[in-house]
Amino acid sequence: TAYLSDGSALDVTKDEAISWSSDNSA
């Protein structure tokens, strides 16, 4: 969830601007 400067919140879970990673891929 991205919290914005106008006080709103936006679900960005699937947004292309977000990349996901794990610190231990094993």
PDB file of all heavy atoms in Angstrom:
ATOM      1  N   THR A   1       0.845  -1.191   0.000  1.00  0.00           N
ATOM      2  CA  THR A   1       0.000   0.000   0.000  1.00  0.00           C
ATOM      3  C   THR A   1       0.881   1.241   0.000  1.00  0.00           C
ATOM      4  O   THR A   1       1.766   1.381   0.848  1.00  0.00           O
ATOM      5  CB  THR A   1      -0.927   0.022   1.241  1.00  0.00           C
ATOM      6  OG1 THR A   1      -1.693  -1.176   1.269  1.00  0.00           O
ATOM      7  CG2 THR A   1      -1.855   1.220   1.210  1.00  0.00           C
ATOM      8  N   ALA A   2       0.638   2.122  -0.969  1.00  0.00           N
ATOM      9  CA  ALA A   2       1.351   3.388  -1.038  1.00  0.00           C
ATOM     10  C   ALA A   2       0.490   4.452  -0.361  1.00  0.00           C
ATOM     11  O   ALA A   2      -0.696   4.583  -0.665  1.00  0.00           O
ATOM     12  CB  ALA A   2       1.614   3.775  -2.485  1.00  0.00           C
ATOM     13  N   TYR A   3       1.074   5.189   0.571  1.00  0.00           N
ATOM     14  CA  TYR A   3       0.389   6.296   1.223  1.00  0.00           C
ATOM     15  C   TYR A   3       0.875   7.587   0.574  1.00  0.00           C
ATOM     16  O   TYR A   3       2.070   7.830   0.479  1.00  0.00           O
ATOM     17  CB  TYR A   3       0.644   6.271   2.733  1.00  0.00           C
ATOM     18  CG  TYR A   3      -0.062   5.098   3.372  1.00  0.00           C
ATOM     19  CD1 TYR A   3       0.574   3.870   3.515  1.00  0.00           C
ATOM     20  CD2 TYR A   3      -1.387   5.211   3.784  1.00  0.00           C
ATOM     21  CE1 TYR A   3      -0.095   2.778   4.066  1.00  0.00           C
ATOM     22  CE2 TYR A   3      -2.061   4.123   4.338  1.00  0.00           C
ATOM     23  CZ  TYR A   3      -1.403   2.914   4.472  1.00  0.00           C
ATOM     24  OH  TYR A   3      -2.071   1.837   5.013  1.00  0.00           O
ATOM     25  N   LEU A   4      -0.091   8.388   0.088  1.00  0.00           N
ATOM     26  CA  LEU A   4       0.222   9.558  -0.717  1.00  0.00           C
ATOM     27  C   LEU A   4       0.160  10.857   0.065  1.00  0.00           C
ATOM     28  O   LEU A   4      -0.455  10.937   1.129  1.00  0.00           O
ATOM     29  CB  LEU A   4      -0.743   9.614  -1.910  1.00  0.00           C
ATOM     30  CG  LEU A   4      -0.842   8.329  -2.736  1.00  0.00           C
ATOM     31  CD1 LEU A   4      -1.854   8.500  -3.849  1.00  0.00           C
ATOM     32  CD2 LEU A   4       0.511   7.935  -3.281  1.00  0.00           C
ATOM     33  N   SER A   5       0.764  11.888  -0.510  1.00  0.00           N
ATOM     34  CA  SER A   5       0.847  13.196   0.141  1.00  0.00           C
ATOM     35  C   SER A   5      -0.502  13.866   0.320  1.00  0.00           C
ATOM     36  O   SER A   5      -0.648  14.754   1.158  1.00  0.00           O
ATOM     37  CB  SER A   5       1.780  14.115  -0.649  1.00  0.00           C
ATOM     38  OG  SER A   5       1.305  14.272  -1.977  1.00  0.00           O
ATOM     39  N   ASP A   6      -1.516  13.446  -0.434  1.00  0.00           N
ATOM     40  CA  ASP A   6      -2.843  14.042  -0.272  1.00  0.00           C
ATOM     41  C   ASP A   6      -3.686  13.306   0.771  1.00  0.00           C
ATOM     42  O   ASP A   6      -4.874  13.575   0.930  1.00  0.00           O
ATOM     43  CB  ASP A   6      -3.581  14.091  -1.617  1.00  0.00           C
ATOM     44  CG  ASP A   6      -3.896  12.717  -2.189  1.00  0.00           C
ATOM     45  OD1 ASP A   6      -3.542  11.695  -1.565  1.00  0.00           O
ATOM     46  OD2 ASP A   6      -4.496  12.661  -3.277  1.00  0.00           O
ATOM     47  N   GLY A   7      -3.068  12.363   1.498  1.00  0.00           N
ATOM     48  CA  GLY A   7      -3.764  11.634   2.554  1.00  0.00           C
ATOM     49  C   GLY A   7      -4.432  10.350   2.088  1.00  0.00           C
ATOM     50  O   GLY A   7      -4.977   9.604   2.889  1.00  0.00           O
ATOM     51  N   SER A   8      -4.382  10.061   0.805  1.00  0.00           N
ATOM     52  CA  SER A   8      -5.025   8.849   0.295  1.00  0.00           C
ATOM     53  C   SER A   8      -4.059   7.671   0.329  1.00  0.00           C
ATOM     54  O   SER A   8      -2.848   7.829   0.495  1.00  0.00           O
ATOM     55  CB  SER A   8      -5.552   9.082  -1.121  1.00  0.00           C
ATOM     56  OG  SER A   8      -4.490   9.354  -2.001  1.00  0.00           O
ATOM     57  N   ALA A   9      -4.621   6.483   0.164  1.00  0.00           N
ATOM     58  CA  ALA A   9      -3.840   5.256   0.117  1.00  0.00           C
ATOM     59  C   ALA A   9      -4.206   4.518  -1.159  1.00  0.00           C
ATOM     60  O   ALA A   9      -5.348   4.561  -1.617  1.00  0.00           O
ATOM     61  CB  ALA A   9      -4.124   4.399   1.332  1.00  0.00           C
ATOM     62  N   LEU A  10      -3.231   3.842  -1.734  1.00  0.00           N
ATOM     63  CA  LEU A  10      -3.439   3.159  -3.004  1.00  0.00           C
ATOM     64  C   LEU A  10      -2.812   1.775  -2.950  1.00  0.00           C
ATOM     65  O   LEU A  10      -1.643   1.630  -2.573  1.00  0.00           O
ATOM     66  CB  LEU A  10      -2.793   3.984  -4.121  1.00  0.00           C
ATOM     67  CG  LEU A  10      -2.953   3.530  -5.551  1.00  0.00           C
ATOM     68  CD1 LEU A  10      -4.436   3.538  -5.959  1.00  0.00           C
ATOM     69  CD2 LEU A  10      -2.165   4.447  -6.472  1.00  0.00           C
ATOM     70  N   ASP A  11      -3.598   0.744  -3.291  1.00  0.00           N
ATOM     71  CA  ASP A  11      -3.074  -0.623  -3.358  1.00  0.00           C
ATOM     72  C   ASP A  11      -2.205  -0.716  -4.606  1.00  0.00           C
ATOM     73  O   ASP A  11      -2.695  -0.617  -5.723  1.00  0.00           O
ATOM     74  CB  ASP A  11      -4.229  -1.626  -3.416  1.00  0.00           C
ATOM     75  CG  ASP A  11      -3.761  -3.074  -3.487  1.00  0.00           C
ATOM     76  OD1 ASP A  11      -2.559  -3.322  -3.717  1.00  0.00           O
ATOM     77  OD2 ASP A  11      -4.606  -3.967  -3.307  1.00  0.00           O
ATOM     78  N   VAL A  12      -0.908  -0.906  -4.423  1.00  0.00           N
ATOM     79  CA  VAL A  12       0.028  -0.984  -5.539  1.00  0.00           C
ATOM     80  C   VAL A  12       0.652  -2.377  -5.648  1.00  0.00           C
ATOM     81  O   VAL A  12       1.695  -2.550  -6.279  1.00  0.00           O
ATOM     82  CB  VAL A  12       1.122   0.103  -5.418  1.00  0.00           C
ATOM     83  CG1 VAL A  12       0.520   1.490  -5.571  1.00  0.00           C
ATOM     84  CG2 VAL A  12       1.879  -0.019  -4.103  1.00  0.00           C
ATOM     85  N   THR A  13      -0.017  -3.361  -5.082  1.00  0.00           N
ATOM     86  CA  THR A  13       0.500  -4.722  -5.047  1.00  0.00           C
ATOM     87  C   THR A  13       0.905  -5.224  -6.425  1.00  0.00           C
ATOM     88  O   THR A  13       1.952  -5.847  -6.589  1.00  0.00           O
ATOM     89  CB  THR A  13      -0.550  -5.673  -4.434  1.00  0.00           C
ATOM     90  OG1 THR A  13      -0.903  -5.176  -3.130  1.00  0.00           O
ATOM     91  CG2 THR A  13      -0.032  -7.079  -4.311  1.00  0.00           C
ATOM     92  N   LYS A  14       0.082  -4.960  -7.429  1.00  0.00           N
ATOM     93  CA  LYS A  14       0.344  -5.474  -8.784  1.00  0.00           C
ATOM     94  C   LYS A  14       0.859  -4.403  -9.733  1.00  0.00           C
ATOM     95  O   LYS A  14       0.954  -4.634 -10.931  1.00  0.00           O
ATOM     96  CB  LYS A  14      -0.929  -6.113  -9.337  1.00  0.00           C
ATOM     97  CG  LYS A  14      -1.351  -7.333  -8.545  1.00  0.00           C
ATOM     98  CD  LYS A  14      -2.594  -7.964  -9.101  1.00  0.00           C
ATOM     99  CE  LYS A  14      -3.000  -9.163  -8.266  1.00  0.00           C
ATOM    100  NZ  LYS A  14      -4.214  -9.799  -8.770  1.00  0.00           N
ATOM    101  N   ASP A  15       1.207  -3.244  -9.208  1.00  0.00           N
ATOM    102  CA  ASP A  15       1.685  -2.152 -10.048  1.00  0.00           C
ATOM    103  C   ASP A  15       3.055  -2.508 -10.618  1.00  0.00           C
ATOM    104  O   ASP A  15       3.912  -3.045  -9.916  1.00  0.00           O
ATOM    105  CB  ASP A  15       1.789  -0.869  -9.218  1.00  0.00           C
ATOM    106  CG  ASP A  15       1.980   0.350 -10.083  1.00  0.00           C
ATOM    107  OD1 ASP A  15       3.037   0.468 -10.732  1.00  0.00           O
ATOM    108  OD2 ASP A  15       1.071   1.207 -10.099  1.00  0.00           O
ATOM    109  N   GLU A  16       3.254  -2.217 -11.905  1.00  0.00           N
ATOM    110  CA  GLU A  16       4.527  -2.524 -12.558  1.00  0.00           C
ATOM    111  C   GLU A  16       5.697  -1.749 -11.964  1.00  0.00           C
ATOM    112  O   GLU A  16       6.851  -2.132 -12.132  1.00  0.00           O
ATOM    113  CB  GLU A  16       4.437  -2.246 -14.059  1.00  0.00           C
ATOM    114  CG  GLU A  16       3.573  -3.234 -14.797  1.00  0.00           C
ATOM    115  CD  GLU A  16       3.558  -2.984 -16.298  1.00  0.00           C
ATOM    116  OE1 GLU A  16       3.894  -1.873 -16.744  1.00  0.00           O
ATOM    117  OE2 GLU A  16       3.213  -3.921 -17.024  1.00  0.00           O
ATOM    118  N   ALA A  17       5.422  -0.658 -11.255  1.00  0.00           N
ATOM    119  CA  ALA A  17       6.488   0.134 -10.653  1.00  0.00           C
ATOM    120  C   ALA A  17       7.033  -0.519  -9.380  1.00  0.00           C
ATOM    121  O   ALA A  17       8.087  -0.127  -8.882  1.00  0.00           O
ATOM    122  CB  ALA A  17       5.977   1.537 -10.326  1.00  0.00           C
ATOM    123  N   ILE A  18       6.319  -1.517  -8.874  1.00  0.00           N
ATOM    124  CA  ILE A  18       6.732  -2.212  -7.651  1.00  0.00           C
ATOM    125  C   ILE A  18       7.441  -3.504  -8.023  1.00  0.00           C
ATOM    126  O   ILE A  18       6.948  -4.285  -8.816  1.00  0.00           O
ATOM    127  CB  ILE A  18       5.509  -2.538  -6.758  1.00  0.00           C
ATOM    128  CG1 ILE A  18       4.753  -1.270  -6.384  1.00  0.00           C
ATOM    129  CG2 ILE A  18       5.912  -3.320  -5.529  1.00  0.00           C
ATOM    130  CD1 ILE A  18       5.547  -0.296  -5.545  1.00  0.00           C
ATOM    131  N   SER A  19       8.604  -3.722  -7.436  1.00  0.00           N
ATOM    132  CA  SER A  19       9.286  -4.999  -7.642  1.00  0.00           C
ATOM    133  C   SER A  19       9.367  -5.708  -6.290  1.00  0.00           C
ATOM    134  O   SER A  19       9.556  -5.082  -5.254  1.00  0.00           O
ATOM    135  CB  SER A  19      10.679  -4.798  -8.241  1.00  0.00           C
ATOM    136  OG  SER A  19      11.496  -4.051  -7.368  1.00  0.00           O
ATOM    137  N   TRP A  20       9.191  -6.997  -6.324  1.00  0.00           N
ATOM    138  CA  TRP A  20       9.193  -7.818  -5.117  1.00  0.00           C
ATOM    139  C   TRP A  20      10.440  -8.682  -5.103  1.00  0.00           C
ATOM    140  O   TRP A  20      10.906  -9.153  -6.137  1.00  0.00           O
ATOM    141  CB  TRP A  20       7.961  -8.717  -5.088  1.00  0.00           C
ATOM    142  CG  TRP A  20       6.668  -7.966  -4.937  1.00  0.00           C
ATOM    143  CD1 TRP A  20       5.919  -7.404  -5.928  1.00  0.00           C
ATOM    144  CD2 TRP A  20       5.983  -7.688  -3.729  1.00  0.00           C
ATOM    145  NE1 TRP A  20       4.793  -6.804  -5.407  1.00  0.00           N
ATOM    146  CE2 TRP A  20       4.812  -6.962  -4.051  1.00  0.00           C
ATOM    147  CE3 TRP A  20       6.221  -7.976  -2.383  1.00  0.00           C
ATOM    148  CZ2 TRP A  20       3.910  -6.527  -3.101  1.00  0.00           C
ATOM    149  CZ3 TRP A  20       5.312  -7.547  -1.438  1.00  0.00           C
ATOM    150  CH2 TRP A  20       4.181  -6.829  -1.786  1.00  0.00           C
ATOM    151  N   SER A  21      10.988  -8.899  -3.906  1.00  0.00           N
ATOM    152  CA  SER A  21      12.136  -9.776  -3.773  1.00  0.00           C
ATOM    153  C   SER A  21      12.134 -10.405  -2.397  1.00  0.00           C
ATOM    154  O   SER A  21      11.431  -9.970  -1.483  1.00  0.00           O
ATOM    155  CB  SER A  21      13.445  -8.986  -3.991  1.00  0.00           C
ATOM    156  OG  SER A  21      13.594  -8.014  -2.974  1.00  0.00           O
ATOM    157  N   SER A  22      12.914 -11.450  -2.251  1.00  0.00           N
ATOM    158  CA  SER A  22      13.078 -12.146  -0.980  1.00  0.00           C
ATOM    159  C   SER A  22      14.551 -12.058  -0.592  1.00  0.00           C
ATOM    160  O   SER A  22      15.429 -12.149  -1.456  1.00  0.00           O
ATOM    161  CB  SER A  22      12.661 -13.617  -1.140  1.00  0.00           C
ATOM    162  OG  SER A  22      13.070 -14.368  -0.011  1.00  0.00           O
ATOM    163  N   ASP A  23      14.826 -11.906   0.695  1.00  0.00           N
ATOM    164  CA  ASP A  23      16.215 -11.866   1.120  1.00  0.00           C
ATOM    165  C   ASP A  23      16.822 -13.274   1.190  1.00  0.00           C
ATOM    166  O   ASP A  23      18.020 -13.416   1.375  1.00  0.00           O
ATOM    167  CB  ASP A  23      16.365 -11.137   2.459  1.00  0.00           C
ATOM    168  CG  ASP A  23      15.810 -11.908   3.640  1.00  0.00           C
ATOM    169  OD1 ASP A  23      15.037 -12.864   3.414  1.00  0.00           O
ATOM    170  OD2 ASP A  23      16.127 -11.563   4.779  1.00  0.00           O
ATOM    171  N   ASN A  24      15.976 -14.323   1.026  1.00  0.00           N
ATOM    172  CA  ASN A  24      16.474 -15.692   1.057  1.00  0.00           C
ATOM    173  C   ASN A  24      15.624 -16.543   0.110  1.00  0.00           C
ATOM    174  O   ASN A  24      14.655 -17.165   0.535  1.00  0.00           O
ATOM    175  CB  ASN A  24      16.430 -16.237   2.483  1.00  0.00           C
ATOM    176  CG  ASN A  24      17.109 -17.582   2.608  1.00  0.00           C
ATOM    177  OD1 ASN A  24      17.400 -18.236   1.611  1.00  0.00           O
ATOM    178  ND2 ASN A  24      17.374 -18.001   3.834  1.00  0.00           N
ATOM    179  N   SER A  25      16.006 -16.574  -1.160  1.00  0.00           N
ATOM    180  CA  SER A  25      15.211 -17.285  -2.156  1.00  0.00           C
ATOM    181  C   SER A  25      15.246 -18.798  -1.969  1.00  0.00           C
ATOM    182  O   SER A  25      14.443 -19.517  -2.566  1.00  0.00           O
ATOM    183  CB  SER A  25      15.654 -16.908  -3.563  1.00  0.00           C
ATOM    184  OG  SER A  25      17.022 -17.216  -3.738  1.00  0.00           O
ATOM    185  N   ALA A  26      16.134 -19.315  -1.127  1.00  0.00           N
ATOM    186  CA  ALA A  26      16.134 -20.751  -0.827  1.00  0.00           C
ATOM    187  C   ALA A  26      14.979 -21.108   0.095  1.00  0.00           C
ATOM    188  O   ALA A  26      14.553 -22.259   0.154  1.00  0.00           O
ATOM    189  CB  ALA A  26      17.468 -21.155  -0.186  1.00  0.00           C
TER     190      ALA A  26
END
